[in-house]
Amino acid sequence: MTLPLFWVDAFTDRAFGGNPAGVIPLDAWPEDALLRQIAAENGLPATAFLVRTGPARARLRWFTPSLELELCGHATLAAAFVLFTELGQVESPFTFETQAGSLIVRRKGPLLELDFPSRPATVAEPPPGLVEGLGRAPRQSLRTDKTWLCIFGDEAEVRALQPDQAVLGQVVPGRIIVTAPGDACDFVSRFFAPEVGIPEDSVTGSAHCTLVPYWAGRLGKTTFHARQVSRRGGELWCGLAGQRVSIAGHGALYLKGQVSV
């Protein structure tokens, strides 16, 4: 059996930037074991699998090399990019049915805009290992049920962090966002996820479900230009509307071909 494979760099307009994702359109769902094997063989941060269920609707699932994700921003953008630029999708918005509910993607000129749930964090004392693992104490720590949000003073502090991944791997929950005001944007961030086998994610759309409500409360506005200052880096244009967060960015096709399984 051969399946089409697209490799898209998400949240960037050029190859070798942003966050890479595999996208595999399917006619029907195979066994989950095969999806896991393909994602592991791809070795990308995430591989998105989709099955169309209507003219502007599809079922979407995301797998890292080690597990299935409940929500993934960059691979959702990558899947939408493939639909609109490679598979002839014209109608917009497009709805993905996922474990996290219905996620809508709209074309906004050269950008693709994701409509995701808002996941605000609340102030909490840092757990054992968080400060030691980051190597520097944040000015404030907050958390959701799955994520820590650590606030630093400026962009330089965020860029300078060199986490001890072995120590961060003991933090519960094991997904850590660090953020600060940006020098040339509203805010910057980095994302460490030893819990899911990713020492540092290049660009994390889902992290902005928590970043955007935090910065909305702090800055008193609802639209933002954000940058994730990982080695590859990425840019996002975000907004807050009630309980929803919009996350927009570019995509860049790196590779298309077939996998034989």
Protein backbone atom coordinates (compact mmCIF):
# COMPACT_ATOMS: atom_id res chain seq x y z
CA MET A 1 0.00 0.00 0.00
CA THR A 2 1.28 3.46 -0.87
CA LEU A 3 0.13 6.66 0.80
CA PRO A 4 0.82 10.29 -0.14
CA LEU A 5 3.13 12.16 2.20
CA PHE A 6 3.59 15.93 2.45
CA TRP A 7 6.23 17.54 4.66
CA VAL A 8 5.27 21.09 5.60
CA ASP A 9 7.18 23.61 7.70
CA ALA A 10 4.45 25.39 9.70
CA PHE A 11 4.40 28.96 11.02
CA THR A 12 7.04 30.07 8.53
CA ASP A 13 7.05 31.20 4.91
CA ARG A 14 10.34 29.46 4.08
CA ALA A 15 11.77 25.96 4.24
CA PHE A 16 14.06 25.12 7.17
CA GLY A 17 12.11 27.38 9.55
CA GLY A 18 9.01 26.89 11.65
CA ASN A 19 7.95 23.46 12.88
CA PRO A 20 7.97 20.50 10.47
CA ALA A 21 4.97 18.20 10.23
CA GLY A 22 4.04 15.27 8.04
CA VAL A 23 0.58 15.23 6.48
CA ILE A 24 -0.95 11.99 5.14
CA PRO A 25 -4.44 12.11 3.58
CA LEU A 26 -6.26 8.78 3.83
CA ASP A 27 -9.33 7.29 2.17
CA ALA A 28 -10.19 5.37 5.35
CA TRP A 29 -8.65 4.72 8.74
CA PRO A 30 -6.22 1.81 9.05
CA GLU A 31 -5.34 0.20 12.37
CA ASP A 32 -3.92 2.63 14.93
CA ALA A 33 -0.78 0.52 15.12
CA LEU A 34 0.04 1.45 11.52
CA LEU A 35 -0.48 5.16 12.20
CA ARG A 36 1.94 4.93 15.13
CA GLN A 37 4.50 3.08 13.02
CA ILE A 38 4.35 5.65 10.24
CA ALA A 39 4.72 8.56 12.67
CA ALA A 40 7.66 6.85 14.35
CA GLU A 41 9.31 6.13 11.01
CA ASN A 42 8.81 9.73 9.85
CA GLY A 43 10.58 10.94 12.98
CA LEU A 44 8.93 14.38 12.73
CA PRO A 45 7.57 16.24 15.75
CA ALA A 46 4.08 15.35 14.52
CA THR A 47 2.41 13.56 11.64
CA ALA A 48 -1.20 14.50 10.82
CA PHE A 49 -3.57 11.91 9.34
CA LEU A 50 -6.88 13.02 7.86
CA VAL A 51 -9.94 11.45 6.26
CA ARG A 52 -12.40 13.72 4.48
CA THR A 53 -15.99 13.54 5.77
CA GLY A 54 -17.49 16.30 3.61
CA PRO A 55 -16.68 19.06 1.08
CA ALA A 56 -15.12 21.24 3.79
CA ARG A 57 -14.75 18.79 6.66
CA ALA A 58 -12.35 16.03 7.69
CA ARG A 59 -11.48 13.87 10.66
CA LEU A 60 -7.95 14.74 11.86
CA ARG A 61 -5.54 12.94 14.20
CA TRP A 62 -1.96 13.75 15.20
CA PHE A 63 0.84 11.41 16.25
CA THR A 64 4.33 12.12 17.54
CA PRO A 65 6.93 9.35 17.14
CA SER A 66 5.81 8.02 20.53
CA LEU A 67 2.12 8.84 21.13
CA GLU A 68 -1.14 10.33 19.86
CA LEU A 69 -1.75 13.99 20.71
CA GLU A 70 -5.01 15.45 21.96
CA LEU A 71 -4.30 18.83 20.32
CA CYS A 72 -1.60 20.00 17.90
CA GLY A 73 -1.49 23.43 16.32
CA HIS A 74 1.36 23.25 13.84
CA ALA A 75 0.24 19.95 12.32
CA THR A 76 -3.30 21.32 11.97
CA LEU A 77 -1.95 24.30 10.06
CA ALA A 78 0.17 21.92 7.96
CA ALA A 79 -2.88 19.78 7.14
CA ALA A 80 -4.87 22.85 6.09
CA PHE A 81 -1.93 24.07 4.00
CA VAL A 82 -1.86 20.77 2.11
CA LEU A 83 -5.62 20.83 1.52
CA PHE A 84 -5.65 24.39 0.18
CA THR A 85 -2.40 24.42 -1.80
CA GLU A 86 -1.94 20.79 -2.93
CA LEU A 87 -5.33 19.06 -2.93
CA GLY A 88 -7.55 21.69 -4.54
CA GLN A 89 -9.61 22.73 -1.52
CA VAL A 90 -11.43 25.98 -2.36
CA GLU A 91 -14.21 26.33 0.19
CA SER A 92 -13.20 28.15 3.39
CA PRO A 93 -13.62 27.82 6.35
CA PHE A 94 -12.64 24.16 6.71
CA THR A 95 -13.59 22.13 9.80
CA PHE A 96 -11.43 19.43 11.34
CA GLU A 97 -13.13 16.98 13.69
CA THR A 98 -10.63 16.08 16.42
CA GLN A 99 -10.30 14.76 19.96
CA ALA A 100 -10.30 18.41 21.07
CA GLY A 101 -13.59 19.11 19.31
CA SER A 102 -14.26 20.88 16.03
CA LEU A 103 -11.34 23.07 14.91
CA ILE A 104 -11.97 25.59 12.15
CA VAL A 105 -9.33 26.86 9.71
CA ARG A 106 -9.85 29.93 7.52
CA ARG A 107 -7.82 31.39 4.69
CA LYS A 108 -6.87 34.98 5.52
CA GLY A 109 -4.93 36.17 2.47
CA PRO A 110 -1.53 34.47 2.60
CA LEU A 111 -2.19 33.24 6.15
CA LEU A 112 -4.10 30.27 7.51
CA GLU A 113 -5.99 31.04 10.73
CA LEU A 114 -6.78 28.34 13.28
CA ASP A 115 -9.72 28.68 15.69
CA PHE A 116 -8.70 26.89 18.90
CA PRO A 117 -10.04 26.71 22.48
CA SER A 118 -8.72 29.16 25.06
CA ARG A 119 -6.89 27.41 27.92
CA PRO A 120 -6.02 30.05 30.50
CA ALA A 121 -3.57 29.27 33.30
CA THR A 122 -3.85 30.15 36.98
CA VAL A 123 -1.07 31.20 39.36
CA ALA A 124 0.60 28.25 41.10
CA GLU A 125 3.78 27.55 43.03
CA PRO A 126 6.47 25.95 40.86
CA PRO A 127 6.74 22.19 41.38
CA PRO A 128 9.95 20.37 42.31
CA GLY A 129 12.48 20.49 39.49
CA LEU A 130 10.96 23.32 37.47
CA VAL A 131 13.29 26.13 38.55
CA GLU A 132 16.31 23.81 38.68
CA GLY A 133 15.48 22.39 35.27
CA LEU A 134 15.11 25.81 33.66
CA GLY A 135 18.28 27.06 35.36
CA ARG A 136 16.64 30.34 36.31
CA ALA A 137 13.63 31.24 38.44
CA PRO A 138 10.68 32.76 36.57
CA ARG A 139 9.10 35.94 37.88
CA GLN A 140 5.79 34.08 38.05
CA SER A 141 4.56 30.55 37.41
CA LEU A 142 1.08 29.51 36.34
CA ARG A 143 -0.40 26.19 35.26
CA THR A 144 -3.19 24.46 33.42
CA ASP A 145 -4.03 20.79 33.84
CA LYS A 146 -1.28 19.82 31.35
CA THR A 147 1.10 22.77 31.13
CA TRP A 148 3.30 25.12 33.15
CA LEU A 149 3.53 28.76 32.06
CA CYS A 150 6.68 30.54 33.29
CA ILE A 151 7.00 34.32 33.00
CA PHE A 152 10.38 35.98 32.50
CA GLY A 153 11.43 39.61 32.35
CA ASP A 154 12.54 40.04 28.76
CA GLU A 155 13.27 38.29 25.49
CA ALA A 156 16.98 37.93 26.26
CA GLU A 157 16.19 35.86 29.36
CA VAL A 158 13.99 33.49 27.37
CA ARG A 159 16.59 33.10 24.62
CA ALA A 160 19.38 32.46 27.15
CA LEU A 161 17.67 29.52 28.88
CA GLN A 162 19.56 26.25 28.58
CA PRO A 163 17.31 23.74 30.34
CA ASP A 164 18.51 20.57 31.98
CA GLN A 165 16.24 18.14 30.17
CA ALA A 166 16.86 15.31 32.63
CA VAL A 167 15.57 17.48 35.47
CA LEU A 168 12.67 18.92 33.45
CA GLY A 169 11.67 15.37 32.63
CA GLN A 170 10.70 14.90 36.29
CA VAL A 171 8.35 17.91 36.36
CA VAL A 172 4.61 17.18 36.52
CA PRO A 173 2.88 18.08 34.27
CA GLY A 174 5.81 17.83 31.87
CA ARG A 175 5.01 20.53 29.31
CA ILE A 176 6.62 23.90 30.02
CA ILE A 177 6.02 27.21 28.25
CA VAL A 178 8.41 30.10 28.95
CA THR A 179 7.49 33.60 27.81
CA ALA A 180 8.39 37.29 28.06
CA PRO A 181 7.68 40.59 26.29
CA GLY A 182 9.23 40.64 22.82
CA ASP A 183 11.76 43.14 21.53
CA ALA A 184 10.02 43.48 18.15
CA CYS A 185 6.68 41.75 18.80
CA ASP A 186 4.14 41.54 21.61
CA PHE A 187 5.60 38.44 23.24
CA VAL A 188 8.05 35.61 22.67
CA SER A 189 8.00 32.05 23.92
CA ARG A 190 9.75 28.70 23.97
CA PHE A 191 8.22 25.30 24.70
CA PHE A 192 9.80 22.26 26.34
CA ALA A 193 7.92 18.95 26.37
CA PRO A 194 9.97 16.10 27.83
CA GLU A 195 6.67 14.48 28.79
CA VAL A 196 6.01 13.67 25.12
CA GLY A 197 9.63 13.09 24.13
CA ILE A 198 10.26 16.57 22.67
CA PRO A 199 13.12 18.42 24.44
CA GLU A 200 12.18 21.69 22.69
CA ASP A 201 9.41 22.18 20.18
CA SER A 202 10.21 24.56 17.32
CA VAL A 203 6.82 26.32 17.12
CA THR A 204 3.87 25.27 19.25
CA GLY A 205 0.46 26.47 18.09
CA SER A 206 -1.39 24.85 20.99
CA ALA A 207 0.79 26.65 23.56
CA HIS A 208 -0.79 29.89 22.36
CA CYS A 209 -4.13 28.67 23.70
CA THR A 210 -2.57 29.50 27.07
CA LEU A 211 -0.21 32.32 26.06
CA VAL A 212 -2.89 34.46 24.41
CA PRO A 213 -5.29 34.72 27.40
CA TYR A 214 -2.32 35.46 29.68
CA TRP A 215 -1.01 38.30 27.50
CA ALA A 216 -4.53 39.61 26.88
CA GLY A 217 -4.95 40.06 30.62
CA ARG A 218 -1.51 41.59 31.03
CA LEU A 219 -1.47 43.92 28.02
CA GLY A 220 -5.16 44.78 27.93
CA LYS A 221 -5.66 43.97 24.25
CA THR A 222 -6.87 41.05 22.15
CA THR A 223 -4.63 40.90 19.06
CA PHE A 224 -0.96 39.96 19.11
CA HIS A 225 2.12 39.35 16.98
CA ALA A 226 4.08 36.54 18.62
CA ARG A 227 7.36 34.79 17.95
CA GLN A 228 8.60 31.44 19.18
CA VAL A 229 12.35 31.93 19.59
CA SER A 230 13.54 28.34 19.16
CA ARG A 231 16.51 27.58 16.93
CA ARG A 232 14.25 27.30 13.85
CA GLY A 233 11.87 30.04 15.00
CA GLY A 234 8.37 30.91 13.90
CA GLU A 235 5.84 33.74 13.72
CA LEU A 236 2.21 33.76 14.74
CA TRP A 237 -0.59 36.32 14.60
CA CYS A 238 -3.05 35.64 17.40
CA GLY A 239 -6.30 36.93 18.82
CA LEU A 240 -8.69 36.30 21.71
CA ALA A 241 -12.47 36.21 21.28
CA GLY A 242 -14.26 34.98 24.39
CA GLN A 243 -13.37 31.34 24.93
CA ARG A 244 -11.62 30.96 21.57
CA VAL A 245 -8.11 31.77 20.41
CA SER A 246 -7.18 32.49 16.79
CA ILE A 247 -3.69 31.48 15.69
CA ALA A 248 -2.55 32.40 12.18
CA GLY A 249 0.61 31.66 10.27
CA HIS A 250 2.22 30.69 7.00
CA GLY A 251 3.23 27.27 5.70
CA ALA A 252 6.05 26.17 3.41
CA LEU A 253 6.11 22.90 1.49
CA TYR A 254 9.44 21.09 1.86
CA LEU A 255 8.72 17.65 0.37
CA LYS A 256 5.99 15.57 -1.20
CA GLY A 257 6.12 11.92 -2.12
CA GLN A 258 4.81 8.51 -1.09
CA VAL A 259 5.33 6.08 1.71
CA SER A 260 5.10 2.32 1.12
CA VAL A 261 3.62 0.31 3.98
